Amino acid sequence: MDHGIKIYRNEDVEEIVACIPEGHRHVRLILKLSDQIIILQEATVAAIVRAYLNIALHPTRKYIRLVKRCLSDLKQGFAKTQLMEESEDNKCLNIPLDK
């Protein structure tokens, strides 16, 4: 798997579609980008929203990291694989933000 970093600017996003596919119960988010299409399942979108809101709405917090965990003893309707918050840290990854 290629782990190269790609930064997508707003002008690289051609379309975003949120929908519940026929025969399914959960939302899918389709990102039509200039070079590819990415489809995210509802749980992934929820984790992204949760992380975003934890930073955007907190007066001092600047960092959150969600890591894949396989859990048991879950509430009904939750998948065994979850993106869970990892221990506190306070520095953002060193990513090139100007490209």
PDB file of N, CA and C in Angstrom:
ATOM      1  N   MET A   1       0.843  -1.183   0.000  1.00  0.00           N
ATOM      2  CA  MET A   1       0.000   0.000   0.000  1.00  0.00           C
ATOM      3  C   MET A   1       0.886   1.244   0.000  1.00  0.00           C
ATOM      4  N   ASP A   2       0.549   2.214  -0.816  1.00  0.00           N
ATOM      5  CA  ASP A   2       1.291   3.468  -0.891  1.00  0.00           C
ATOM      6  C   ASP A   2       0.864   4.379   0.252  1.00  0.00           C
ATOM      7  N   HIS A   3       1.827   4.782   1.080  1.00  0.00           N
ATOM      8  CA  HIS A   3       1.527   5.651   2.214  1.00  0.00           C
ATOM      9  C   HIS A   3       1.978   7.079   1.962  1.00  0.00           C
ATOM     10  N   GLY A   4       2.145   7.453   0.686  1.00  0.00           N
ATOM     11  CA  GLY A   4       2.522   8.822   0.369  1.00  0.00           C
ATOM     12  C   GLY A   4       1.445   9.792   0.836  1.00  0.00           C
ATOM     13  N   ILE A   5       1.871  10.974   1.219  1.00  0.00           N
ATOM     14  CA  ILE A   5       0.929  11.980   1.709  1.00  0.00           C
ATOM     15  C   ILE A   5       0.375  12.766   0.535  1.00  0.00           C
ATOM     16  N   LYS A   6      -0.942  12.905   0.492  1.00  0.00           N
ATOM     17  CA  LYS A   6      -1.610  13.736  -0.507  1.00  0.00           C
ATOM     18  C   LYS A   6      -2.400  14.796   0.239  1.00  0.00           C
ATOM     19  N   ILE A   7      -2.238  16.025  -0.160  1.00  0.00           N
ATOM     20  CA  ILE A   7      -3.013  17.115   0.423  1.00  0.00           C
ATOM     21  C   ILE A   7      -4.018  17.572  -0.621  1.00  0.00           C
ATOM     22  N   TYR A   8      -5.295  17.563  -0.253  1.00  0.00           N
ATOM     23  CA  TYR A   8      -6.348  17.997  -1.168  1.00  0.00           C
ATOM     24  C   TYR A   8      -6.864  19.356  -0.728  1.00  0.00           C
ATOM     25  N   ARG A   9      -6.748  20.315  -1.617  1.00  0.00           N
ATOM     26  CA  ARG A   9      -7.299  21.646  -1.369  1.00  0.00           C
ATOM     27  C   ARG A   9      -8.766  21.639  -1.777  1.00  0.00           C
ATOM     28  N   ASN A  10      -9.466  22.657  -1.398  1.00  0.00           N
ATOM     29  CA  ASN A  10     -10.879  22.745  -1.742  1.00  0.00           C
ATOM     30  C   ASN A  10     -11.082  22.679  -3.261  1.00  0.00           C
ATOM     31  N   GLU A  11     -10.167  23.283  -4.019  1.00  0.00           N
ATOM     32  CA  GLU A  11     -10.311  23.265  -5.481  1.00  0.00           C
ATOM     33  C   GLU A  11     -10.044  21.891  -6.092  1.00  0.00           C
ATOM     34  N   ASP A  12      -9.508  20.949  -5.314  1.00  0.00           N
ATOM     35  CA  ASP A  12      -9.293  19.585  -5.786  1.00  0.00           C
ATOM     36  C   ASP A  12     -10.520  18.700  -5.589  1.00  0.00           C
ATOM     37  N   VAL A  13     -11.494  19.200  -4.836  1.00  0.00           N
ATOM     38  CA  VAL A  13     -12.712  18.435  -4.560  1.00  0.00           C
ATOM     39  C   VAL A  13     -13.765  18.827  -5.587  1.00  0.00           C
ATOM     40  N   GLU A  14     -14.171  17.856  -6.395  1.00  0.00           N
ATOM     41  CA  GLU A  14     -15.164  18.117  -7.430  1.00  0.00           C
ATOM     42  C   GLU A  14     -16.589  17.989  -6.903  1.00  0.00           C
ATOM     43  N   GLU A  15     -16.784  17.071  -5.959  1.00  0.00           N
ATOM     44  CA  GLU A  15     -18.142  16.836  -5.458  1.00  0.00           C
ATOM     45  C   GLU A  15     -18.070  16.010  -4.178  1.00  0.00           C
ATOM     46  N   ILE A  16     -19.003  16.265  -3.281  1.00  0.00           N
ATOM     47  CA  ILE A  16     -19.179  15.440  -2.088  1.00  0.00           C
ATOM     48  C   ILE A  16     -20.635  14.998  -2.065  1.00  0.00           C
ATOM     49  N   VAL A  17     -20.844  13.712  -1.940  1.00  0.00           N
ATOM     50  CA  VAL A  17     -22.198  13.159  -1.896  1.00  0.00           C
ATOM     51  C   VAL A  17     -22.345  12.365  -0.606  1.00  0.00           C
ATOM     52  N   ALA A  18     -23.394  12.633   0.141  1.00  0.00           N
ATOM     53  CA  ALA A  18     -23.747  11.831   1.310  1.00  0.00           C
ATOM     54  C   ALA A  18     -25.049  11.124   0.981  1.00  0.00           C
ATOM     55  N   CYS A  19     -25.092   9.819   1.182  1.00  0.00           N
ATOM     56  CA  CYS A  19     -26.300   9.076   0.826  1.00  0.00           C
ATOM     57  C   CYS A  19     -26.350   7.760   1.605  1.00  0.00           C
ATOM     58  N   ILE A  20     -27.534   7.196   1.644  1.00  0.00           N
ATOM     59  CA  ILE A  20     -27.713   5.848   2.170  1.00  0.00           C
ATOM     60  C   ILE A  20     -28.006   4.968   0.960  1.00  0.00           C
ATOM     61  N   PRO A  21     -27.086   4.075   0.598  1.00  0.00           N
ATOM     62  CA  PRO A  21     -27.305   3.226  -0.572  1.00  0.00           C
ATOM     63  C   PRO A  21     -28.530   2.328  -0.392  1.00  0.00           C
ATOM     64  N   GLU A  22     -29.170   2.033  -1.481  1.00  0.00           N
ATOM     65  CA  GLU A  22     -30.349   1.170  -1.452  1.00  0.00           C
ATOM     66  C   GLU A  22     -29.995  -0.165  -0.804  1.00  0.00           C
ATOM     67  N   GLY A  23     -30.819  -0.592   0.129  1.00  0.00           N
ATOM     68  CA  GLY A  23     -30.599  -1.852   0.825  1.00  0.00           C
ATOM     69  C   GLY A  23     -29.672  -1.746   2.029  1.00  0.00           C
ATOM     70  N   HIS A  24     -29.207  -0.535   2.336  1.00  0.00           N
ATOM     71  CA  HIS A  24     -28.320  -0.321   3.483  1.00  0.00           C
ATOM     72  C   HIS A  24     -29.007   0.585   4.497  1.00  0.00           C
ATOM     73  N   ARG A  25     -28.427   0.660   5.703  1.00  0.00           N
ATOM     74  CA  ARG A  25     -28.999   1.508   6.753  1.00  0.00           C
ATOM     75  C   ARG A  25     -28.099   2.679   7.121  1.00  0.00           C
ATOM     76  N   HIS A  26     -26.858   2.631   6.693  1.00  0.00           N
ATOM     77  CA  HIS A  26     -25.890   3.630   7.135  1.00  0.00           C
ATOM     78  C   HIS A  26     -25.444   4.542   5.992  1.00  0.00           C
ATOM     79  N   VAL A  27     -25.086   5.756   6.373  1.00  0.00           N
ATOM     80  CA  VAL A  27     -24.663   6.776   5.418  1.00  0.00           C
ATOM     81  C   VAL A  27     -23.295   6.425   4.834  1.00  0.00           C
ATOM     82  N   ARG A  28     -23.118   6.721   3.572  1.00  0.00           N
ATOM     83  CA  ARG A  28     -21.811   6.682   2.915  1.00  0.00           C
ATOM     84  C   ARG A  28     -21.500   8.104   2.480  1.00  0.00           C
ATOM     85  N   LEU A  29     -20.242   8.472   2.531  1.00  0.00           N
ATOM     86  CA  LEU A  29     -19.801   9.776   2.059  1.00  0.00           C
ATOM     87  C   LEU A  29     -18.871   9.531   0.878  1.00  0.00           C
ATOM     88  N   ILE A  30     -19.233  10.083  -0.262  1.00  0.00           N
ATOM     89  CA  ILE A  30     -18.454   9.900  -1.482  1.00  0.00           C
ATOM     90  C   ILE A  30     -17.717  11.198  -1.770  1.00  0.00           C
ATOM     91  N   LEU A  31     -16.401  11.123  -1.811  1.00  0.00           N
ATOM     92  CA  LEU A  31     -15.569  12.276  -2.137  1.00  0.00           C
ATOM     93  C   LEU A  31     -15.044  12.090  -3.552  1.00  0.00           C
ATOM     94  N   LYS A  32     -15.528  12.915  -4.470  1.00  0.00           N
ATOM     95  CA  LYS A  32     -15.031  12.873  -5.844  1.00  0.00           C
ATOM     96  C   LYS A  32     -13.934  13.924  -5.951  1.00  0.00           C
ATOM     97  N   LEU A  33     -12.701  13.445  -6.001  1.00  0.00           N
ATOM     98  CA  LEU A  33     -11.535  14.315  -6.035  1.00  0.00           C
ATOM     99  C   LEU A  33     -10.999  14.410  -7.458  1.00  0.00           C
ATOM    100  N   SER A  34     -10.060  15.300  -7.675  1.00  0.00           N
ATOM    101  CA  SER A  34      -9.524  15.503  -9.017  1.00  0.00           C
ATOM    102  C   SER A  34      -8.831  14.262  -9.565  1.00  0.00           C
ATOM    103  N   ASP A  35      -8.317  13.391  -8.695  1.00  0.00           N
ATOM    104  CA  ASP A  35      -7.572  12.225  -9.169  1.00  0.00           C
ATOM    105  C   ASP A  35      -8.114  10.880  -8.687  1.00  0.00           C
ATOM    106  N   GLN A  36      -9.148  10.884  -7.860  1.00  0.00           N
ATOM    107  CA  GLN A  36      -9.694   9.624  -7.362  1.00  0.00           C
ATOM    108  C   GLN A  36     -11.044   9.851  -6.698  1.00  0.00           C
ATOM    109  N   ILE A  37     -11.722   8.755  -6.420  1.00  0.00           N
ATOM    110  CA  ILE A  37     -12.975   8.785  -5.668  1.00  0.00           C
ATOM    111  C   ILE A  37     -12.753   7.984  -4.391  1.00  0.00           C
ATOM    112  N   ILE A  38     -13.145   8.569  -3.265  1.00  0.00           N
ATOM    113  CA  ILE A  38     -13.021   7.901  -1.970  1.00  0.00           C
ATOM    114  C   ILE A  38     -14.422   7.752  -1.389  1.00  0.00           C
ATOM    115  N   ILE A  39     -14.761   6.550  -0.940  1.00  0.00           N
ATOM    116  CA  ILE A  39     -16.047   6.299  -0.292  1.00  0.00           C
ATOM    117  C   ILE A  39     -15.768   5.934   1.162  1.00  0.00           C
ATOM    118  N   LEU A  40     -16.355   6.711   2.073  1.00  0.00           N
ATOM    119  CA  LEU A  40     -16.176   6.477   3.501  1.00  0.00           C
ATOM    120  C   LEU A  40     -17.470   5.955   4.108  1.00  0.00           C
ATOM    121  N   GLN A  41     -17.357   4.988   4.990  1.00  0.00           N
ATOM    122  CA  GLN A  41     -18.523   4.484   5.698  1.00  0.00           C
ATOM    123  C   GLN A  41     -18.881   5.427   6.840  1.00  0.00           C
ATOM    124  N   GLU A  42     -20.108   5.302   7.320  1.00  0.00           N
ATOM    125  CA  GLU A  42     -20.637   6.206   8.344  1.00  0.00           C
ATOM    126  C   GLU A  42     -19.762   6.268   9.592  1.00  0.00           C
ATOM    127  N   ALA A  43     -19.259   5.142  10.054  1.00  0.00           N
ATOM    128  CA  ALA A  43     -18.451   5.138  11.275  1.00  0.00           C
ATOM    129  C   ALA A  43     -17.174   5.956  11.099  1.00  0.00           C
ATOM    130  N   THR A  44     -16.587   5.906   9.919  1.00  0.00           N
ATOM    131  CA  THR A  44     -15.381   6.686   9.648  1.00  0.00           C
ATOM    132  C   THR A  44     -15.696   8.169   9.608  1.00  0.00           C
ATOM    133  N   VAL A  45     -16.796   8.523   8.958  1.00  0.00           N
ATOM    134  CA  VAL A  45     -17.217   9.930   8.901  1.00  0.00           C
ATOM    135  C   VAL A  45     -17.515  10.437  10.312  1.00  0.00           C
ATOM    136  N   ALA A  46     -18.187   9.624  11.112  1.00  0.00           N
ATOM    137  CA  ALA A  46     -18.505  10.018  12.490  1.00  0.00           C
ATOM    138  C   ALA A  46     -17.227  10.259  13.293  1.00  0.00           C
ATOM    139  N   ALA A  47     -16.219   9.429  13.098  1.00  0.00           N
ATOM    140  CA  ALA A  47     -14.951   9.608  13.810  1.00  0.00           C
ATOM    141  C   ALA A  47     -14.256  10.890  13.371  1.00  0.00           C
ATOM    142  N   ILE A  48     -14.294  11.191  12.078  1.00  0.00           N
ATOM    143  CA  ILE A  48     -13.694  12.430  11.572  1.00  0.00           C
ATOM    144  C   ILE A  48     -14.420  13.635  12.156  1.00  0.00           C
ATOM    145  N   VAL A  49     -15.740  13.589  12.166  1.00  0.00           N
ATOM    146  CA  VAL A  49     -16.529  14.695  12.731  1.00  0.00           C
ATOM    147  C   VAL A  49     -16.236  14.844  14.220  1.00  0.00           C
ATOM    148  N   ARG A  50     -16.180  13.722  14.927  1.00  0.00           N
ATOM    149  CA  ARG A  50     -15.884  13.758  16.365  1.00  0.00           C
ATOM    150  C   ARG A  50     -14.515  14.392  16.626  1.00  0.00           C
ATOM    151  N   ALA A  51     -13.516  14.003  15.850  1.00  0.00           N
ATOM    152  CA  ALA A  51     -12.173  14.572  16.011  1.00  0.00           C
ATOM    153  C   ALA A  51     -12.172  16.060  15.679  1.00  0.00           C
ATOM    154  N   TYR A  52     -12.820  16.426  14.590  1.00  0.00           N
ATOM    155  CA  TYR A  52     -12.874  17.833  14.181  1.00  0.00           C
ATOM    156  C   TYR A  52     -13.524  18.688  15.264  1.00  0.00           C
ATOM    157  N   LEU A  53     -14.673  18.242  15.758  1.00  0.00           N
ATOM    158  CA  LEU A  53     -15.387  19.023  16.771  1.00  0.00           C
ATOM    159  C   LEU A  53     -14.608  19.115  18.081  1.00  0.00           C
ATOM    160  N   ASN A  54     -13.879  18.053  18.431  1.00  0.00           N
ATOM    161  CA  ASN A  54     -13.055  18.078  19.640  1.00  0.00           C
ATOM    162  C   ASN A  54     -11.986  19.157  19.579  1.00  0.00           C
ATOM    163  N   ILE A  55     -11.503  19.465  18.402  1.00  0.00           N
ATOM    164  CA  ILE A  55     -10.483  20.502  18.241  1.00  0.00           C
ATOM    165  C   ILE A  55     -11.119  21.862  17.989  1.00  0.00           C
ATOM    166  N   ALA A  56     -12.055  21.929  17.060  1.00  0.00           N
ATOM    167  CA  ALA A  56     -12.639  23.213  16.649  1.00  0.00           C
ATOM    168  C   ALA A  56     -13.407  23.904  17.769  1.00  0.00           C
ATOM    169  N   LEU A  57     -14.067  23.153  18.632  1.00  0.00           N
ATOM    170  CA  LEU A  57     -14.921  23.745  19.658  1.00  0.00           C
ATOM    171  C   LEU A  57     -14.277  23.813  21.040  1.00  0.00           C
ATOM    172  N   HIS A  58     -13.070  23.328  21.172  1.00  0.00           N
ATOM    173  CA  HIS A  58     -12.394  23.347  22.471  1.00  0.00           C
ATOM    174  C   HIS A  58     -11.522  24.596  22.571  1.00  0.00           C
ATOM    175  N   PRO A  59     -11.535  25.282  23.707  1.00  0.00           N
ATOM    176  CA  PRO A  59     -10.802  26.545  23.808  1.00  0.00           C
ATOM    177  C   PRO A  59      -9.276  26.415  23.779  1.00  0.00           C
ATOM    178  N   THR A  60      -8.733  25.256  24.145  1.00  0.00           N
ATOM    179  CA  THR A  60      -7.272  25.123  24.168  1.00  0.00           C
ATOM    180  C   THR A  60      -6.744  23.907  23.415  1.00  0.00           C
ATOM    181  N   ARG A  61      -7.584  22.943  23.175  1.00  0.00           N
ATOM    182  CA  ARG A  61      -7.121  21.699  22.565  1.00  0.00           C
ATOM    183  C   ARG A  61      -6.737  21.916  21.105  1.00  0.00           C
ATOM    184  N   LYS A  62      -5.590  21.342  20.711  1.00  0.00           N
ATOM    185  CA  LYS A  62      -5.106  21.481  19.340  1.00  0.00           C
ATOM    186  C   LYS A  62      -4.779  20.137  18.697  1.00  0.00           C
ATOM    187  N   TYR A  63      -5.039  19.046  19.385  1.00  0.00           N
ATOM    188  CA  TYR A  63      -4.610  17.739  18.888  1.00  0.00           C
ATOM    189  C   TYR A  63      -5.526  16.647  19.407  1.00  0.00           C
ATOM    190  N   ILE A  64      -5.859  15.730  18.530  1.00  0.00           N
ATOM    191  CA  ILE A  64      -6.527  14.495  18.932  1.00  0.00           C
ATOM    192  C   ILE A  64      -6.079  13.421  17.949  1.00  0.00           C
ATOM    193  N   ARG A  65      -5.915  12.228  18.439  1.00  0.00           N
ATOM    194  CA  ARG A  65      -5.529  11.115  17.581  1.00  0.00           C
ATOM    195  C   ARG A  65      -6.487   9.972  17.842  1.00  0.00           C
ATOM    196  N   LEU A  66      -7.121   9.490  16.789  1.00  0.00           N
ATOM    197  CA  LEU A  66      -8.003   8.335  16.880  1.00  0.00           C
ATOM    198  C   LEU A  66      -7.291   7.152  16.233  1.00  0.00           C
ATOM    199  N   VAL A  67      -7.287   6.017  16.917  1.00  0.00           N
ATOM    200  CA  VAL A  67      -6.560   4.838  16.469  1.00  0.00           C
ATOM    201  C   VAL A  67      -7.517   3.654  16.400  1.00  0.00           C
ATOM    202  N   LYS A  68      -7.322   2.802  15.395  1.00  0.00           N
ATOM    203  CA  LYS A  68      -8.178   1.627  15.219  1.00  0.00           C
ATOM    204  C   LYS A  68      -8.017   0.672  16.390  1.00  0.00           C
ATOM    205  N   ARG A  69      -9.149   0.274  16.952  1.00  0.00           N
ATOM    206  CA  ARG A  69      -9.183  -0.687  18.053  1.00  0.00           C
ATOM    207  C   ARG A  69     -10.289  -1.711  17.779  1.00  0.00           C
ATOM    208  N   CYS A  70     -10.016  -2.962  18.095  1.00  0.00           N
ATOM    209  CA  CYS A  70     -11.030  -4.012  18.008  1.00  0.00           C
ATOM    210  C   CYS A  70     -11.560  -4.222  19.422  1.00  0.00           C
ATOM    211  N   LEU A  71     -12.846  -3.978  19.599  1.00  0.00           N
ATOM    212  CA  LEU A  71     -13.452  -3.984  20.927  1.00  0.00           C
ATOM    213  C   LEU A  71     -14.485  -5.092  21.066  1.00  0.00           C
ATOM    214  N   SER A  72     -14.784  -5.423  22.307  1.00  0.00           N
ATOM    215  CA  SER A  72     -15.886  -6.338  22.607  1.00  0.00           C
ATOM    216  C   SER A  72     -16.783  -5.637  23.612  1.00  0.00           C
ATOM    217  N   ASP A  73     -17.900  -6.242  23.938  1.00  0.00           N
ATOM    218  CA  ASP A  73     -18.836  -5.685  24.910  1.00  0.00           C
ATOM    219  C   ASP A  73     -19.282  -4.270  24.524  1.00  0.00           C
ATOM    220  N   LEU A  74     -19.778  -4.159  23.296  1.00  0.00           N
ATOM    221  CA  LEU A  74     -20.207  -2.867  22.757  1.00  0.00           C
ATOM    222  C   LEU A  74     -21.708  -2.670  22.896  1.00  0.00           C
ATOM    223  N   LYS A  75     -22.133  -1.437  22.806  1.00  0.00           N
ATOM    224  CA  LYS A  75     -23.562  -1.133  22.719  1.00  0.00           C
ATOM    225  C   LYS A  75     -24.101  -1.731  21.419  1.00  0.00           C
ATOM    226  N   GLN A  76     -25.375  -2.044  21.404  1.00  0.00           N
ATOM    227  CA  GLN A  76     -25.997  -2.622  20.221  1.00  0.00           C
ATOM    228  C   GLN A  76     -25.862  -1.665  19.037  1.00  0.00           C
ATOM    229  N   GLY A  77     -25.521  -2.217  17.877  1.00  0.00           N
ATOM    230  CA  GLY A  77     -25.422  -1.426  16.661  1.00  0.00           C
ATOM    231  C   GLY A  77     -24.027  -0.903  16.361  1.00  0.00           C
ATOM    232  N   PHE A  78     -23.084  -1.088  17.283  1.00  0.00           N
ATOM    233  CA  PHE A  78     -21.725  -0.597  17.064  1.00  0.00           C
ATOM    234  C   PHE A  78     -20.854  -1.708  16.484  1.00  0.00           C
ATOM    235  N   ALA A  79     -20.007  -1.347  15.530  1.00  0.00           N
ATOM    236  CA  ALA A  79     -19.081  -2.297  14.926  1.00  0.00           C
ATOM    237  C   ALA A  79     -17.965  -2.632  15.910  1.00  0.00           C
ATOM    238  N   LYS A  80     -17.394  -3.834  15.776  1.00  0.00           N
ATOM    239  CA  LYS A  80     -16.304  -4.250  16.664  1.00  0.00           C
ATOM    240  C   LYS A  80     -15.056  -3.394  16.461  1.00  0.00           C
ATOM    241  N   THR A  81     -14.824  -2.965  15.233  1.00  0.00           N
ATOM    242  CA  THR A  81     -13.671  -2.113  14.950  1.00  0.00           C
ATOM    243  C   THR A  81     -14.088  -0.661  15.081  1.00  0.00           C
ATOM    244  N   GLN A  82     -13.397   0.062  15.948  1.00  0.00           N
ATOM    245  CA  GLN A  82     -13.720   1.466  16.216  1.00  0.00           C
ATOM    246  C   GLN A  82     -12.456   2.313  16.145  1.00  0.00           C
ATOM    247  N   LEU A  83     -12.622   3.584  15.825  1.00  0.00           N
ATOM    248  CA  LEU A  83     -11.534   4.553  15.909  1.00  0.00           C
ATOM    249  C   LEU A  83     -11.669   5.238  17.258  1.00  0.00           C
ATOM    250  N   MET A  84     -10.736   4.943  18.152  1.00  0.00           N
ATOM    251  CA  MET A  84     -10.813   5.400  19.536  1.00  0.00           C
ATOM    252  C   MET A  84      -9.707   6.407  19.830  1.00  0.00           C
ATOM    253  N   GLU A  85     -10.022   7.339  20.731  1.00  0.00           N
ATOM    254  CA  GLU A  85      -9.052   8.351  21.119  1.00  0.00           C
ATOM    255  C   GLU A  85      -7.882   7.704  21.853  1.00  0.00           C
ATOM    256  N   GLU A  86      -6.680   8.104  21.457  1.00  0.00           N
ATOM    257  CA  GLU A  86      -5.476   7.623  22.120  1.00  0.00           C
ATOM    258  C   GLU A  86      -5.017   8.671  23.119  1.00  0.00           C
ATOM    259  N   SER A  87      -4.084   8.294  23.958  1.00  0.00           N
ATOM    260  CA  SER A  87      -3.638   9.178  25.034  1.00  0.00           C
ATOM    261  C   SER A  87      -3.303  10.583  24.536  1.00  0.00           C
ATOM    262  N   GLU A  88      -3.464  11.519  25.442  1.00  0.00           N
ATOM    263  CA  GLU A  88      -3.261  12.935  25.129  1.00  0.00           C
ATOM    264  C   GLU A  88      -1.849  13.218  24.633  1.00  0.00           C
ATOM    265  N   ASP A  89      -1.765  14.077  23.691  1.00  0.00           N
ATOM    266  CA  ASP A  89      -0.524  14.633  23.192  1.00  0.00           C
ATOM    267  C   ASP A  89      -0.885  16.036  22.753  1.00  0.00           C
ATOM    268  N   ASN A  90       0.062  16.818  22.376  1.00  0.00           N
ATOM    269  CA  ASN A  90      -0.295  18.180  22.012  1.00  0.00           C
ATOM    270  C   ASN A  90       0.485  18.689  20.818  1.00  0.00           C
ATOM    271  N   LYS A  91       0.853  17.795  19.916  1.00  0.00           N
ATOM    272  CA  LYS A  91       1.532  18.297  18.738  1.00  0.00           C
ATOM    273  C   LYS A  91       0.975  17.643  17.487  1.00  0.00           C
ATOM    274  N   CYS A  92       0.831  18.437  16.473  1.00  0.00           N
ATOM    275  CA  CYS A  92       0.306  17.976  15.196  1.00  0.00           C
ATOM    276  C   CYS A  92       1.420  17.259  14.444  1.00  0.00           C
ATOM    277  N   LEU A  93       1.029  16.345  13.586  1.00  0.00           N
ATOM    278  CA  LEU A  93       2.011  15.660  12.755  1.00  0.00           C
ATOM    279  C   LEU A  93       2.742  16.671  11.895  1.00  0.00           C
ATOM    280  N   ASN A  94       3.969  16.373  11.570  1.00  0.00           N
ATOM    281  CA  ASN A  94       4.756  17.261  10.732  1.00  0.00           C
ATOM    282  C   ASN A  94       4.376  17.020   9.271  1.00  0.00           C
ATOM    283  N   ILE A  95       3.347  17.710   8.816  1.00  0.00           N
ATOM    284  CA  ILE A  95       2.890  17.552   7.443  1.00  0.00           C
ATOM    285  C   ILE A  95       3.122  18.848   6.678  1.00  0.00           C
ATOM    286  N   PRO A  96       3.451  18.724   5.401  1.00  0.00           N
ATOM    287  CA  PRO A  96       3.668  19.933   4.600  1.00  0.00           C
ATOM    288  C   PRO A  96       2.333  20.606   4.294  1.00  0.00           C
ATOM    289  N   LEU A  97       2.078  21.743   4.885  1.00  0.00           N
ATOM    290  CA  LEU A  97       0.780  22.397   4.755  1.00  0.00           C
ATOM    291  C   LEU A  97       0.695  23.366   3.592  1.00  0.00           C
ATOM    292  N   ASP A  98       1.802  23.621   2.913  1.00  0.00           N
ATOM    293  CA  ASP A  98       1.805  24.638   1.870  1.00  0.00           C
ATOM    294  C   ASP A  98       1.723  24.085   0.464  1.00  0.00           C
ATOM    295  N   LYS A  99       1.375  22.832   0.292  1.00  0.00           N
ATOM    296  CA  LYS A  99       1.303  22.250  -1.049  1.00  0.00           C
ATOM    297  C   LYS A  99      -0.113  22.001  -1.449  1.00  0.00           C
TER     298      LYS A  99
END
